[in-house]
N, C-alpha and C. Protein backbone atom coordinates (compact mmCIF):
# COMPACT_ATOMS: atom_id res chain seq x y z
N UNK A 1 -8.10 0.71 2.98
CA UNK A 1 -9.53 0.65 2.98
C UNK A 1 -9.96 -0.69 2.39
N UNK A 2 -10.90 -1.34 3.07
CA UNK A 2 -11.41 -2.62 2.58
C UNK A 2 -12.19 -2.41 1.29
N UNK A 3 -12.45 -3.47 0.60
CA UNK A 3 -13.20 -3.37 -0.65
C UNK A 3 -14.60 -2.81 -0.44
N UNK A 4 -15.17 -3.00 0.78
CA UNK A 4 -16.50 -2.47 1.07
C UNK A 4 -16.46 -1.01 1.52
N UNK A 5 -15.26 -0.39 1.53
CA UNK A 5 -15.13 1.02 1.91
C UNK A 5 -14.82 1.24 3.38
N UNK A 6 -14.79 0.19 4.18
CA UNK A 6 -14.52 0.29 5.61
C UNK A 6 -13.04 0.63 5.84
N UNK A 7 -12.80 1.64 6.67
CA UNK A 7 -11.42 1.99 7.03
C UNK A 7 -10.98 1.14 8.22
N UNK A 8 -9.70 0.79 8.26
CA UNK A 8 -9.16 -0.01 9.36
C UNK A 8 -7.66 0.24 9.45
N UNK A 9 -7.05 -0.24 10.50
CA UNK A 9 -5.62 -0.08 10.71
C UNK A 9 -4.96 -1.44 10.85
N UNK A 10 -3.76 -1.56 10.30
CA UNK A 10 -2.99 -2.79 10.37
C UNK A 10 -1.65 -2.45 11.02
N UNK A 11 -1.18 -3.30 11.89
CA UNK A 11 0.15 -3.13 12.47
C UNK A 11 1.16 -3.44 11.37
N UNK A 12 1.89 -2.44 10.86
CA UNK A 12 2.79 -2.68 9.74
C UNK A 12 3.94 -3.62 10.09
N UNK A 13 4.21 -3.79 11.38
CA UNK A 13 5.27 -4.70 11.79
C UNK A 13 4.85 -6.17 11.63
N UNK A 14 3.56 -6.40 11.41
CA UNK A 14 3.04 -7.75 11.24
C UNK A 14 2.88 -8.14 9.77
N UNK A 15 3.17 -7.21 8.86
CA UNK A 15 3.03 -7.50 7.44
C UNK A 15 4.22 -8.32 6.96
N UNK A 16 3.93 -9.46 6.35
CA UNK A 16 4.99 -10.29 5.77
C UNK A 16 5.25 -9.86 4.33
N UNK A 17 4.19 -9.67 3.57
CA UNK A 17 4.37 -9.19 2.21
C UNK A 17 3.06 -8.63 1.67
N UNK A 18 3.18 -7.89 0.57
CA UNK A 18 2.03 -7.27 -0.09
C UNK A 18 2.07 -7.72 -1.55
N UNK A 19 0.94 -8.24 -2.02
CA UNK A 19 0.85 -8.73 -3.39
C UNK A 19 -0.03 -7.82 -4.23
N UNK A 20 0.36 -7.67 -5.48
CA UNK A 20 -0.48 -6.94 -6.43
C UNK A 20 -1.05 -7.95 -7.40
N UNK A 21 -2.32 -8.25 -7.26
CA UNK A 21 -3.06 -9.06 -8.21
C UNK A 21 -4.03 -8.03 -8.81
N UNK A 22 -5.13 -8.40 -9.34
CA UNK A 22 -6.05 -7.30 -9.67
C UNK A 22 -6.35 -6.44 -8.44
N UNK A 23 -6.35 -7.04 -7.26
CA UNK A 23 -6.51 -6.30 -6.00
C UNK A 23 -5.19 -6.33 -5.25
N UNK A 24 -5.09 -5.53 -4.20
CA UNK A 24 -3.91 -5.55 -3.34
C UNK A 24 -4.21 -6.45 -2.15
N UNK A 25 -3.32 -7.41 -1.89
CA UNK A 25 -3.51 -8.36 -0.79
C UNK A 25 -2.36 -8.19 0.20
N UNK A 26 -2.71 -7.92 1.46
CA UNK A 26 -1.73 -7.77 2.53
C UNK A 26 -1.72 -9.09 3.31
N UNK A 27 -0.57 -9.74 3.38
CA UNK A 27 -0.44 -10.99 4.13
C UNK A 27 0.27 -10.71 5.45
N UNK A 28 -0.35 -11.13 6.54
CA UNK A 28 0.19 -10.88 7.88
C UNK A 28 0.93 -12.10 8.41
N UNK A 29 1.75 -11.89 9.42
CA UNK A 29 2.52 -12.96 10.04
C UNK A 29 1.62 -14.05 10.60
N UNK A 30 0.41 -13.70 10.96
CA UNK A 30 -0.54 -14.67 11.52
C UNK A 30 -1.10 -15.61 10.45
N UNK A 31 -0.86 -15.29 9.17
CA UNK A 31 -1.42 -16.07 8.08
C UNK A 31 -2.67 -15.45 7.49
N UNK A 32 -3.20 -14.45 8.18
CA UNK A 32 -4.39 -13.75 7.70
C UNK A 32 -4.05 -12.93 6.46
N UNK A 33 -4.98 -12.88 5.53
CA UNK A 33 -4.81 -12.08 4.32
C UNK A 33 -5.94 -11.05 4.27
N UNK A 34 -5.59 -9.81 3.91
CA UNK A 34 -6.57 -8.74 3.84
C UNK A 34 -6.51 -8.16 2.43
N UNK A 35 -7.67 -8.10 1.77
CA UNK A 35 -7.77 -7.51 0.44
C UNK A 35 -8.22 -6.07 0.61
N UNK A 36 -7.48 -5.15 -0.02
CA UNK A 36 -7.77 -3.72 0.13
C UNK A 36 -7.92 -3.05 -1.23
N UNK A 37 -8.59 -1.88 -1.23
CA UNK A 37 -8.77 -1.09 -2.44
C UNK A 37 -7.50 -0.36 -2.85
N UNK A 38 -6.69 0.00 -1.86
CA UNK A 38 -5.50 0.82 -2.11
C UNK A 38 -4.48 0.08 -2.96
N UNK A 39 -3.70 0.84 -3.71
CA UNK A 39 -2.62 0.24 -4.50
C UNK A 39 -1.47 -0.15 -3.58
N UNK A 40 -0.59 -1.00 -4.07
CA UNK A 40 0.60 -1.38 -3.30
C UNK A 40 1.40 -0.13 -2.96
N UNK A 41 1.52 0.78 -3.92
CA UNK A 41 2.29 2.01 -3.70
C UNK A 41 1.69 2.86 -2.59
N UNK A 42 0.36 2.94 -2.54
CA UNK A 42 -0.30 3.71 -1.47
C UNK A 42 -0.07 3.07 -0.12
N UNK A 43 -0.19 1.75 -0.05
CA UNK A 43 0.05 1.04 1.21
C UNK A 43 1.48 1.28 1.68
N UNK A 44 2.44 1.14 0.77
CA UNK A 44 3.85 1.35 1.12
C UNK A 44 4.09 2.79 1.59
N UNK A 45 3.49 3.75 0.91
CA UNK A 45 3.64 5.15 1.30
C UNK A 45 3.11 5.38 2.71
N UNK A 46 1.99 4.80 3.03
CA UNK A 46 1.41 4.96 4.37
C UNK A 46 2.29 4.31 5.43
N UNK A 47 2.87 3.17 5.12
CA UNK A 47 3.79 2.51 6.06
C UNK A 47 5.01 3.39 6.29
N UNK A 48 5.59 3.93 5.22
CA UNK A 48 6.77 4.79 5.35
C UNK A 48 6.46 6.04 6.17
N UNK A 49 5.29 6.67 5.93
CA UNK A 49 4.91 7.86 6.71
C UNK A 49 4.75 7.51 8.19
N UNK A 50 4.14 6.37 8.48
CA UNK A 50 3.97 5.92 9.86
C UNK A 50 5.33 5.73 10.55
N UNK A 51 6.24 5.07 9.86
CA UNK A 51 7.56 4.81 10.45
C UNK A 51 8.35 6.09 10.64
N UNK A 52 8.20 7.04 9.73
CA UNK A 52 8.85 8.34 9.91
C UNK A 52 8.30 9.05 11.13
N UNK A 53 6.98 8.95 11.34
CA UNK A 53 6.37 9.56 12.52
C UNK A 53 6.93 8.94 13.79
N UNK A 54 7.11 7.63 13.79
CA UNK A 54 7.68 6.96 14.96
C UNK A 54 9.09 7.47 15.23
N UNK A 55 9.87 7.66 14.15
CA UNK A 55 11.23 8.18 14.30
C UNK A 55 11.24 9.59 14.85
N UNK A 56 10.30 10.42 14.43
CA UNK A 56 10.20 11.79 14.92
C UNK A 56 9.85 11.81 16.40
N UNK A 57 8.95 10.96 16.80
CA UNK A 57 8.55 10.89 18.20
C UNK A 57 9.72 10.43 19.06
N UNK A 58 10.46 9.42 18.59
CA UNK A 58 11.60 8.90 19.35
C UNK A 58 12.66 9.98 19.52
N UNK A 59 12.89 10.79 18.49
CA UNK A 59 13.89 11.86 18.58
C UNK A 59 13.48 12.92 19.58
N UNK A 60 12.17 13.17 19.68
CA UNK A 60 11.68 14.19 20.63
C UNK A 60 11.85 13.74 22.06
N UNK A 61 11.81 12.44 22.29
CA UNK A 61 11.95 11.92 23.65
C UNK A 61 13.41 11.97 24.04
């Protein structure tokens, strides 16, 4: 979630790294940086859940 409360989605395959400053900053392969309200741990948890979902879908196919 952005600092203004707006929800959005990021392609986790484009994330180069995540920084914890007073805010959480997601740096993308394009060079773009996104500041979010969520903690680094929350962002990582969401990425892991997403990737697990992809694995479940692949196994069903």
